[in-house]
Structures are given as C-alpha cells and as structure tokens.
Amino acid sequence: MIEEQLMQSINSQFDLIRQSATIEMADRILALKASGKNIIGLQVGDPDFATPPAVLDVAFKAMRSGLTHYGPSRGYADLRTAAASKLTRAEGIPYDPASEILITHGGIHAYYLAMQSILNPGDDVLIPDPSWSTHSNMAIMLRGNVIRIPAPAENGFIPFFDSWEKALTPKTRVIVLNYPSNPTGAYPTREYLQKLQAFAAKHNLWVVSDEVYGSLYYEEKPTSAAGIAGAKERTLLVNSLSKSYAMTGWRVGYLAAPPRVIENALKAGQNSITCVAPFIQKAAAFALTDPAIQQVTENMRAAYARRRELVLQISHELESEKVKVIPPQGAFYFFLDLRALKTSSIEICERILDEAGVGLVPGSAFGEQGEGFIRMTIAASDQDVEAGFRKIVEWAEKK
C-alpha cells in the first residue's frame, strides 16, 4: 500500500516524455545483430570518424601528469579562451572567456544549463516542429510549457513567420532554435534570423540556439543566432565538440551567454556535474586551437558532402515515386519523405528494419510535422549509405 502511494507521487512530468527513439532503435539493432542478422545502421547521429590521434595524445599526457582530479567548474581558462576564439573565428562574435563562456558536459548539458538558468515554472517555450526531441523534453522536465511551431516541409522545414506571432502568449519567455537542424539539415536565411531576433527583442524573449552542427554545411554558411546586430545580449549559444571533432563520447561542450546567465549556469553546473574532467578539457582546448585538427573537421565535412551527393545521384537514378529526397543544407542527415505510403513513420521504420535490414529513426520522434518522414544518417561509410538508401527505396517501391 505504501509502495503504491509512493509510485503515485513520483514526478509526473516524465509521463509527457518518451524515451529516445534513436537509442530505442539502436538497442533493437544490437539485439538483431547479436542474433546474427546483418543490419545497416543509418540511425545514429555519431560521426563514423575516429577522434584525431593527436587529441588522444594530449588527453593521455594530461592524465599522466595528474589531471585526474577535480577541475574548475567554469572550465580551465585556456579552454574557455579557445571556445571564445572559436566563436570569434567562425562566427565573428566576440565573447569574454572570463564571464561569458562556461564549459559543459557536452551539448545536452549546455542546453540544460541554459534552460535551467532562464526558465521559470510555467513559462512558455517556443520550439519548431520537427526538432530534436531533447529540446522539448528538457523544457518539460524543467516545468516549462512547450508550444511547437510548425516547420513544414513545404516551407523548407522553417516556420512561416506568422506562426511565431500566433503562438505568442503573455507567458512566452524563450525561443529555442537548432540550425542546421537535427533532423532536417535545414537552416534559415540571415534575413529570417534578423526578423526573428527583432521579434524576440520586441517581446523581451530569450533565444537559445543549439549550433552543434554549425560547422557542417553544404551551401552558404549558416548565420549564428547571436551574429545578428544587437542579438548577443539575449541569445544563449549551445555548442560542443561532438560533431565537429568526432568527440561524441568525450562529453565536452560550452555555453556562451550574457554574464548574469553564466552565473546561474555555473551554479546549476556545480550542482549537477561539479566539473568536466580536467584531462578532457585539455584535449578539447587542443582540438579547438590546433590548425591540423581544424583541417580534420574540413575533411569530415567534405566526406559528408560527398555522401550527400551520392544519395542525390542515386535518388535521381531511381526516380522513386514513394521516397522523396529533400537535399539537406547542413548536418549529416536526410529527412526522407515517405508520406506517399500513408503509413506511420514508426511502422515504416520497424518494417524497413525487419524486412530490409536498415536501421532508421521515425520522423514522428521529432514532432507531429515529422510524421511520414524518416531520418537517415550519412555519418556512415559510403558503402553503407549507398546500400542502405537503395534498400529503403527498393522496399518502398514494393508497397
């Protein structure tokens, strides 16, 4: 009886959150592979490149020198300086490493600290749909009220501007952006961001911008949300080394924000992780500043561009009526349009996995606007990307 009462009193916010569809799919694939089935995994948002050996060497050296204890909660000064320099170099935005940069346990932790620092219970949070599920889930966990802004395929997966205006309420406090987008690879024009930042300024809103895919683009370089004149004072930038440097497992990122926000985020960080491992911080500082490592990032971008072109070529060759391909502007995903099948994206992914042996993520995991789509990564070998995409089309054409 007491146990039942306790179970009834646990945090009900989690009833509104489903587990990660990507992890769920990865677990299924592991089980299938263990049973001997050959699976092409195109579901993971993890670069198929190894962390550069020189970065490993720096980490090993730091560990051997004794940097295996607590480190500063803000992050070492050299890493904060490296992050600030990266933002200035890549985005043209100056940041004070002493007061406007905080080192975090990956991009997710940076986003958590950002939202924890500015969000009060009951505040409305505007988030495009489709978008990475963590953006909505984290806001819900922090007692925010999430309002999804439709970003339909027919508008390039960017919200029509009047959708932001229609969603505004007296309780709206935050706009959350993620460009280039996971899952669509889309990003808006500079003019669109200028208009959106003017909207945020008019209504006294914060803008939290997840830019972890900012260095992975195939067309004109995307504009940072903080790169608009006058926007820095209300914009919180989330970034990490995961995608750009093939360091997903290292769990190191950074938050760039106004000093008052950083002070709140520092307290939240001290009471959630204490600090990022010192030897990881030293490796990250090296990765952000070493010229040869920057070339590694460019090489990865070139490889993704090649695979993107490969998918587009195959799509043109096969001329499928069932699988519509929308070229991504950035990131390393295709958000494939299978709405012609008139089947739920979850069922599509389950059947493609079981019948064609290809692991994918259902578009509905990213919001209502994702229904009928599936996310396919190109962070896999050229051979797997080609074979997997051909299998998807072959499967769909039989339906």
Protein backbone atom coordinates (compact mmCIF):
# COMPACT_ATOMS: atom_id res chain seq x y z
CA MET A 1 0.00 0.00 0.00
CA ILE A 2 2.75 2.43 0.96
CA GLU A 3 4.69 1.48 -2.17
CA GLU A 4 1.64 2.19 -4.37
CA GLN A 5 1.25 5.61 -2.76
CA LEU A 6 4.92 6.36 -3.35
CA MET A 7 4.66 5.36 -7.00
CA GLN A 8 1.69 7.69 -7.42
CA SER A 9 3.75 10.59 -6.08
CA ILE A 10 6.75 10.33 -8.42
CA ASN A 11 7.47 13.09 -10.92
CA SER A 12 4.54 13.15 -13.35
CA GLN A 13 6.42 15.37 -15.83
CA PHE A 14 8.07 12.23 -17.18
CA ASP A 15 4.69 10.91 -18.30
CA LEU A 16 4.92 13.56 -21.03
CA ILE A 17 8.29 12.32 -22.27
CA ARG A 18 9.11 9.24 -24.32
CA GLN A 19 12.50 7.59 -24.35
CA SER A 20 14.91 8.47 -27.15
CA ALA A 21 13.76 6.90 -30.42
CA THR A 22 17.38 6.81 -31.59
CA ILE A 23 18.53 4.84 -28.55
CA GLU A 24 15.47 2.63 -28.76
CA MET A 25 16.30 1.78 -32.36
CA ALA A 26 19.97 1.25 -31.53
CA ASP A 27 19.00 -1.25 -28.82
CA ARG A 28 16.84 -3.18 -31.30
CA ILE A 29 19.66 -3.25 -33.83
CA LEU A 30 22.11 -4.57 -31.23
CA ALA A 31 19.70 -7.38 -30.41
CA LEU A 32 19.24 -8.24 -34.10
CA LYS A 33 22.98 -8.20 -34.75
CA ALA A 34 23.52 -10.43 -31.71
CA SER A 35 21.10 -12.93 -33.27
CA GLY A 36 23.25 -12.98 -36.42
CA LYS A 37 21.22 -10.65 -38.66
CA ASN A 38 23.11 -8.29 -40.96
CA ILE A 39 21.92 -4.73 -40.32
CA ILE A 40 22.97 -1.46 -41.95
CA GLY A 41 22.76 1.12 -39.18
CA LEU A 42 21.74 4.52 -40.53
CA GLN A 43 20.06 5.72 -37.34
CA VAL A 44 22.90 7.13 -35.23
CA GLY A 45 23.90 10.80 -35.03
CA ASP A 46 27.53 9.93 -34.36
CA PRO A 47 30.39 10.65 -36.79
CA ASP A 48 31.88 7.49 -38.27
CA PHE A 49 35.35 9.03 -37.85
CA ALA A 50 37.76 8.40 -35.01
CA THR A 51 38.80 11.17 -32.65
CA PRO A 52 42.06 12.60 -34.12
CA PRO A 53 45.06 10.72 -32.63
CA ALA A 54 46.75 13.99 -31.65
CA VAL A 55 43.77 14.80 -29.41
CA LEU A 56 44.15 11.40 -27.74
CA ASP A 57 47.83 12.11 -27.13
CA VAL A 58 47.03 15.36 -25.34
CA ALA A 59 44.49 13.60 -23.13
CA PHE A 60 46.93 10.77 -22.28
CA LYS A 61 49.63 13.28 -21.42
CA ALA A 62 47.23 15.22 -19.20
CA MET A 63 46.19 12.06 -17.37
CA ARG A 64 49.79 11.02 -16.81
CA SER A 65 50.61 14.47 -15.47
CA GLY A 66 47.98 14.09 -12.75
CA LEU A 67 44.97 15.89 -14.22
CA THR A 68 42.59 13.20 -12.98
CA HIS A 69 41.07 15.06 -10.03
CA TYR A 70 38.53 17.89 -9.79
CA GLY A 71 38.90 20.82 -12.14
CA PRO A 72 37.41 24.33 -12.14
CA SER A 73 33.64 24.36 -12.54
CA ARG A 74 33.80 27.18 -15.08
CA GLY A 75 36.35 25.25 -17.10
CA TYR A 76 40.06 25.90 -17.45
CA ALA A 77 40.92 29.36 -18.71
CA ASP A 78 42.71 28.00 -21.79
CA LEU A 79 39.62 26.04 -22.87
CA ARG A 80 37.27 28.98 -22.26
CA THR A 81 39.63 31.16 -24.28
CA ALA A 82 39.75 28.55 -27.03
CA ALA A 83 35.93 28.39 -27.16
CA ALA A 84 35.66 32.18 -27.28
CA SER A 85 38.28 32.34 -30.03
CA LYS A 86 36.43 29.66 -31.99
CA LEU A 87 33.23 31.72 -31.89
CA THR A 88 35.09 34.84 -32.98
CA ARG A 89 36.92 32.97 -35.75
CA ALA A 90 33.90 31.08 -37.07
CA GLU A 91 31.02 33.44 -36.35
CA GLY A 92 32.61 36.86 -35.90
CA ILE A 93 31.16 37.17 -32.39
CA PRO A 94 33.42 38.39 -29.54
CA TYR A 95 32.98 36.75 -26.13
CA ASP A 96 34.76 37.38 -22.84
CA PRO A 97 36.12 33.96 -21.80
CA ALA A 98 36.17 35.03 -18.14
CA SER A 99 32.48 35.94 -17.86
CA GLU A 100 30.59 34.77 -20.97
CA ILE A 101 31.79 31.18 -21.51
CA LEU A 102 31.07 28.07 -19.41
CA ILE A 103 32.48 24.60 -20.14
CA THR A 104 29.84 21.87 -20.04
CA HIS A 105 29.44 18.11 -20.13
CA GLY A 106 28.53 18.04 -23.83
CA GLY A 107 25.91 19.92 -25.79
CA ILE A 108 22.96 18.42 -23.91
CA HIS A 109 24.37 19.67 -20.62
CA ALA A 110 24.97 23.12 -22.15
CA TYR A 111 21.33 23.20 -23.22
CA TYR A 112 20.19 22.03 -19.79
CA LEU A 113 22.21 24.76 -18.06
CA ALA A 114 20.92 27.38 -20.49
CA MET A 115 17.27 26.48 -19.89
CA GLN A 116 17.74 25.97 -16.16
CA SER A 117 19.26 29.45 -15.93
CA ILE A 118 16.44 31.40 -17.58
CA LEU A 119 13.27 29.32 -17.35
CA ASN A 120 10.73 29.63 -14.54
CA PRO A 121 7.99 27.02 -13.96
CA GLY A 122 5.05 27.67 -16.24
CA ASP A 123 6.95 29.76 -18.78
CA ASP A 124 6.04 29.12 -22.41
CA VAL A 125 8.82 27.86 -24.68
CA LEU A 126 8.50 28.10 -28.47
CA ILE A 127 10.22 25.26 -30.34
CA PRO A 128 9.99 24.43 -34.07
CA ASP A 129 8.43 21.13 -35.12
CA PRO A 130 10.18 18.96 -36.25
CA SER A 131 13.20 19.29 -34.00
CA TRP A 132 15.44 17.14 -31.82
CA SER A 133 13.26 15.69 -29.04
CA THR A 134 15.64 16.70 -26.22
CA HIS A 135 14.84 20.36 -26.81
CA SER A 136 11.20 19.82 -25.88
CA ASN A 137 11.83 17.12 -23.30
CA MET A 138 14.28 19.21 -21.30
CA ALA A 139 11.93 22.18 -21.22
CA ILE A 140 9.15 19.91 -19.94
CA MET A 141 11.45 18.42 -17.29
CA LEU A 142 12.16 21.96 -16.09
CA ARG A 143 8.42 22.66 -15.75
CA GLY A 144 8.17 24.76 -18.88
CA ASN A 145 5.18 24.69 -21.20
CA VAL A 146 6.28 23.73 -24.72
CA ILE A 147 4.48 25.22 -27.71
CA ARG A 148 5.51 23.61 -31.00
CA ILE A 149 5.78 25.89 -34.03
CA PRO A 150 5.07 24.04 -37.30
CA ALA A 151 8.07 24.00 -39.64
CA PRO A 152 6.53 22.17 -42.63
CA ALA A 153 8.47 20.56 -45.44
CA GLU A 154 6.61 22.81 -47.87
CA ASN A 155 8.46 25.79 -46.34
CA GLY A 156 11.87 24.12 -46.23
CA PHE A 157 11.33 22.98 -42.61
CA ILE A 158 11.43 26.62 -41.45
CA PRO A 159 8.36 28.04 -39.63
CA PHE A 160 6.26 30.56 -41.52
CA PHE A 161 6.99 33.75 -39.64
CA ASP A 162 3.39 34.44 -38.67
CA SER A 163 3.41 31.09 -36.82
CA TRP A 164 5.76 32.60 -34.22
CA GLU A 165 3.46 35.58 -33.80
CA LYS A 166 0.33 33.43 -33.47
CA ALA A 167 1.98 31.27 -30.79
CA LEU A 168 2.99 34.19 -28.59
CA THR A 169 1.36 34.38 -25.14
CA PRO A 170 1.90 36.63 -22.09
CA LYS A 171 3.90 33.75 -20.57
CA THR A 172 6.27 33.26 -23.54
CA ARG A 173 9.87 33.63 -22.39
CA VAL A 174 12.07 31.56 -24.71
CA ILE A 175 12.57 30.70 -28.37
CA VAL A 176 14.64 27.55 -28.97
CA LEU A 177 16.46 27.14 -32.29
CA ASN A 178 18.63 24.35 -33.70
CA TYR A 179 20.26 25.23 -37.02
CA PRO A 180 21.49 23.40 -39.02
CA SER A 181 18.64 21.25 -37.81
CA ASN A 182 18.54 17.76 -36.46
CA PRO A 183 16.71 16.02 -38.18
CA THR A 184 16.18 18.07 -41.36
CA GLY A 185 19.54 19.75 -42.00
CA ALA A 186 17.67 23.00 -42.74
CA TYR A 187 18.63 26.50 -41.62
CA PRO A 188 17.08 29.92 -42.24
CA THR A 189 18.49 32.90 -44.08
CA ARG A 190 20.24 35.73 -42.29
CA GLU A 191 17.25 37.93 -43.10
CA TYR A 192 14.89 35.48 -41.39
CA LEU A 193 17.06 35.45 -38.25
CA GLN A 194 17.20 39.24 -38.25
CA LYS A 195 13.41 39.34 -38.28
CA LEU A 196 13.17 36.67 -35.58
CA GLN A 197 15.64 38.48 -33.32
CA ALA A 198 13.70 41.73 -33.78
CA PHE A 199 10.58 39.78 -32.76
CA ALA A 200 12.41 38.46 -29.68
CA ALA A 201 13.60 41.95 -28.74
CA LYS A 202 10.12 43.45 -29.15
CA HIS A 203 8.59 40.84 -26.83
CA ASN A 204 11.50 40.57 -24.38
CA LEU A 205 12.28 36.94 -25.19
CA TRP A 206 15.41 34.86 -24.73
CA VAL A 207 16.76 32.93 -27.71
CA VAL A 208 18.52 29.63 -27.01
CA SER A 209 20.36 28.46 -30.14
CA ASP A 210 21.78 24.94 -30.40
CA GLU A 211 24.53 25.25 -33.03
CA VAL A 212 26.39 21.97 -32.62
CA TYR A 213 26.10 21.30 -36.37
CA GLY A 214 27.20 24.83 -37.29
CA SER A 215 30.42 23.74 -38.98
CA LEU A 216 28.68 21.08 -41.10
CA TYR A 217 27.05 22.83 -44.05
CA TYR A 218 26.92 22.32 -47.82
CA GLU A 219 25.55 25.58 -49.12
CA GLU A 220 26.06 29.15 -47.89
CA LYS A 221 27.45 29.22 -44.35
CA PRO A 222 24.62 29.44 -41.80
CA THR A 223 24.35 32.59 -39.69
CA SER A 224 24.67 32.20 -35.92
CA ALA A 225 21.63 33.42 -34.00
CA ALA A 226 23.97 35.59 -31.91
CA GLY A 227 25.61 37.01 -35.04
CA ILE A 228 22.74 39.44 -35.67
CA ALA A 229 23.39 43.02 -34.58
CA GLY A 230 22.11 43.57 -31.04
CA ALA A 231 21.18 39.90 -30.53
CA LYS A 232 24.04 38.74 -28.31
CA GLU A 233 22.58 40.23 -25.14
CA ARG A 234 19.50 37.96 -25.28
CA THR A 235 20.99 34.90 -27.04
CA LEU A 236 22.40 31.78 -25.41
CA LEU A 237 24.61 29.70 -27.72
CA VAL A 238 24.91 25.95 -27.16
CA ASN A 239 27.84 24.16 -28.77
CA SER A 240 30.03 21.10 -28.38
CA LEU A 241 32.98 19.26 -29.91
CA SER A 242 30.93 16.13 -30.57
CA LYS A 243 30.00 16.52 -34.24
CA SER A 244 32.79 18.79 -35.49
CA TYR A 245 35.71 16.87 -33.97
CA ALA A 246 34.31 13.33 -33.73
CA MET A 247 34.33 13.57 -29.94
CA THR A 248 30.80 12.46 -29.04
CA GLY A 249 31.92 10.14 -26.23
CA TRP A 250 34.15 12.77 -24.61
CA ARG A 251 31.10 14.76 -23.49
CA VAL A 252 32.53 18.26 -23.68
CA GLY A 253 30.79 21.40 -24.86
CA TYR A 254 30.30 25.03 -23.95
CA LEU A 255 27.65 27.65 -23.30
CA ALA A 256 28.14 31.23 -24.47
CA ALA A 257 25.77 33.71 -22.85
CA PRO A 258 25.48 37.03 -21.02
CA PRO A 259 27.42 37.11 -17.70
CA ARG A 260 24.31 37.03 -15.49
CA VAL A 261 23.11 33.88 -17.25
CA ILE A 262 26.55 32.29 -16.95
CA GLU A 263 26.50 32.90 -13.19
CA ASN A 264 23.20 31.00 -12.93
CA ALA A 265 24.51 28.27 -15.23
CA LEU A 266 27.67 27.94 -13.12
CA LYS A 267 25.55 27.23 -10.04
CA ALA A 268 23.47 24.70 -11.98
CA GLY A 269 26.65 23.06 -13.26
CA GLN A 270 28.27 22.88 -9.84
CA ASN A 271 25.18 21.14 -8.52
CA SER A 272 24.79 18.70 -11.41
CA ILE A 273 28.26 17.58 -12.57
CA THR A 274 30.75 19.67 -10.48
CA CYS A 275 33.14 19.91 -13.43
CA VAL A 276 34.20 18.43 -16.74
CA ALA A 277 37.14 16.02 -16.37
CA PRO A 278 40.40 18.06 -16.48
CA PHE A 279 42.18 15.79 -18.98
CA ILE A 280 39.19 16.08 -21.32
CA GLN A 281 39.29 19.85 -21.03
CA LYS A 282 42.95 19.90 -22.06
CA ALA A 283 42.23 17.70 -25.07
CA ALA A 284 39.29 19.93 -26.03
CA ALA A 285 41.40 23.10 -25.81
CA PHE A 286 43.92 21.50 -28.17
CA ALA A 287 41.20 20.37 -30.59
CA LEU A 288 39.71 23.86 -30.80
CA THR A 289 43.03 25.60 -31.49
CA ASP A 290 45.36 23.26 -33.38
CA PRO A 291 45.38 24.11 -37.13
CA ALA A 292 45.80 20.48 -38.18
CA ILE A 293 42.71 19.47 -36.21
CA GLN A 294 40.67 22.20 -37.92
CA GLN A 295 41.59 20.52 -41.20
CA VAL A 296 40.20 17.24 -39.82
CA THR A 297 36.85 19.00 -39.42
CA GLU A 298 37.03 20.20 -43.01
CA ASN A 299 37.84 16.67 -44.19
CA MET A 300 34.79 15.30 -42.38
CA ARG A 301 32.59 17.97 -43.92
CA ALA A 302 33.95 17.04 -47.36
CA ALA A 303 33.14 13.38 -46.73
CA TYR A 304 29.58 14.19 -45.68
CA ALA A 305 29.22 16.41 -48.76
CA ARG A 306 30.34 13.50 -50.93
CA ARG A 307 27.81 11.15 -49.33
CA ARG A 308 25.09 13.77 -49.65
CA GLU A 309 25.81 13.99 -53.37
CA LEU A 310 25.84 10.19 -53.60
CA VAL A 311 22.31 9.98 -52.16
CA LEU A 312 21.09 12.72 -54.51
CA GLN A 313 22.61 10.91 -57.50
CA ILE A 314 21.00 7.60 -56.56
CA SER A 315 17.68 9.35 -55.97
CA HIS A 316 17.87 10.89 -59.44
CA GLU A 317 18.80 7.50 -60.91
CA LEU A 318 15.96 5.58 -59.23
CA GLU A 319 13.27 8.25 -59.69
CA SER A 320 11.20 6.83 -56.84
CA GLU A 321 7.56 7.87 -56.52
CA LYS A 322 7.47 6.66 -52.93
CA VAL A 323 10.69 8.17 -51.49
CA LYS A 324 11.07 11.93 -51.94
CA VAL A 325 14.51 13.32 -51.17
CA ILE A 326 14.91 16.85 -49.81
CA PRO A 327 18.60 17.92 -50.01
CA PRO A 328 19.83 18.90 -46.53
CA GLN A 329 21.62 22.25 -46.25
CA GLY A 330 23.71 21.07 -43.30
CA ALA A 331 24.22 18.48 -40.53
CA PHE A 332 24.58 14.83 -41.64
CA TYR A 333 21.02 13.61 -42.08
CA PHE A 334 18.46 13.17 -44.81
CA PHE A 335 14.84 13.58 -43.71
CA LEU A 336 13.28 11.29 -46.31
CA ASP A 337 9.66 11.91 -47.29
CA LEU A 338 7.65 8.67 -47.39
CA ARG A 339 4.23 10.26 -46.91
CA ALA A 340 3.11 8.65 -50.18
CA LEU A 341 2.96 5.32 -48.33
CA LYS A 342 0.26 6.68 -45.98
CA THR A 343 1.78 4.68 -43.14
CA SER A 344 3.05 5.86 -39.75
CA SER A 345 6.75 6.58 -39.60
CA ILE A 346 7.14 4.19 -36.67
CA GLU A 347 5.66 1.31 -38.67
CA ILE A 348 7.78 2.25 -41.70
CA CYS A 349 10.99 2.12 -39.66
CA GLU A 350 10.03 -1.13 -37.96
CA ARG A 351 9.24 -2.81 -41.27
CA ILE A 352 12.34 -1.49 -43.06
CA LEU A 353 14.44 -2.81 -40.18
CA ASP A 354 12.75 -6.22 -40.18
CA GLU A 355 12.31 -6.65 -43.94
CA ALA A 356 15.21 -4.71 -45.46
CA GLY A 357 17.75 -4.73 -42.63
CA VAL A 358 18.25 -0.95 -42.39
CA GLY A 359 18.11 0.97 -39.10
CA LEU A 360 16.43 4.40 -39.24
CA VAL A 361 14.62 6.84 -36.92
CA PRO A 362 10.90 7.61 -37.34
CA GLY A 363 10.14 11.22 -38.18
CA SER A 364 7.36 11.35 -35.57
CA ALA A 365 10.09 11.21 -32.88
CA PHE A 366 10.84 14.83 -33.84
CA GLY A 367 7.27 16.11 -33.70
CA GLU A 368 3.93 15.97 -35.49
CA GLN A 369 5.36 17.62 -38.60
CA GLY A 370 7.78 14.70 -38.89
CA GLU A 371 5.06 12.11 -39.39
CA GLY A 372 5.54 10.29 -42.67
CA PHE A 373 9.26 11.08 -42.75
CA ILE A 374 12.26 9.01 -41.67
CA ARG A 375 15.70 10.24 -40.62
CA MET A 376 18.65 8.62 -42.34
CA THR A 377 22.20 9.49 -41.30
CA ILE A 378 25.11 9.87 -43.71
CA ALA A 379 27.53 9.59 -40.78
CA ALA A 380 28.31 6.09 -42.03
CA SER A 381 30.58 4.64 -44.69
CA ASP A 382 29.94 5.46 -48.33
CA GLN A 383 29.15 1.78 -48.89
CA ASP A 384 26.57 1.65 -46.08
CA VAL A 385 24.96 4.91 -47.15
CA GLU A 386 24.58 3.71 -50.74
CA ALA A 387 23.47 0.18 -49.88
CA GLY A 388 21.11 1.37 -47.15
CA PHE A 389 19.46 4.05 -49.27
CA ARG A 390 18.97 1.65 -52.18
CA LYS A 391 17.35 -0.86 -49.82
CA ILE A 392 14.99 1.83 -48.49
CA VAL A 393 13.86 2.78 -51.99
CA GLU A 394 13.57 -0.85 -53.09
CA TRP A 395 11.44 -1.64 -50.05
CA ALA A 396 9.19 1.41 -50.52
CA GLU A 397 8.63 0.77 -54.23
CA LYS A 398 7.17 -2.65 -53.43
CA LYS A 399 4.46 -1.12 -51.23
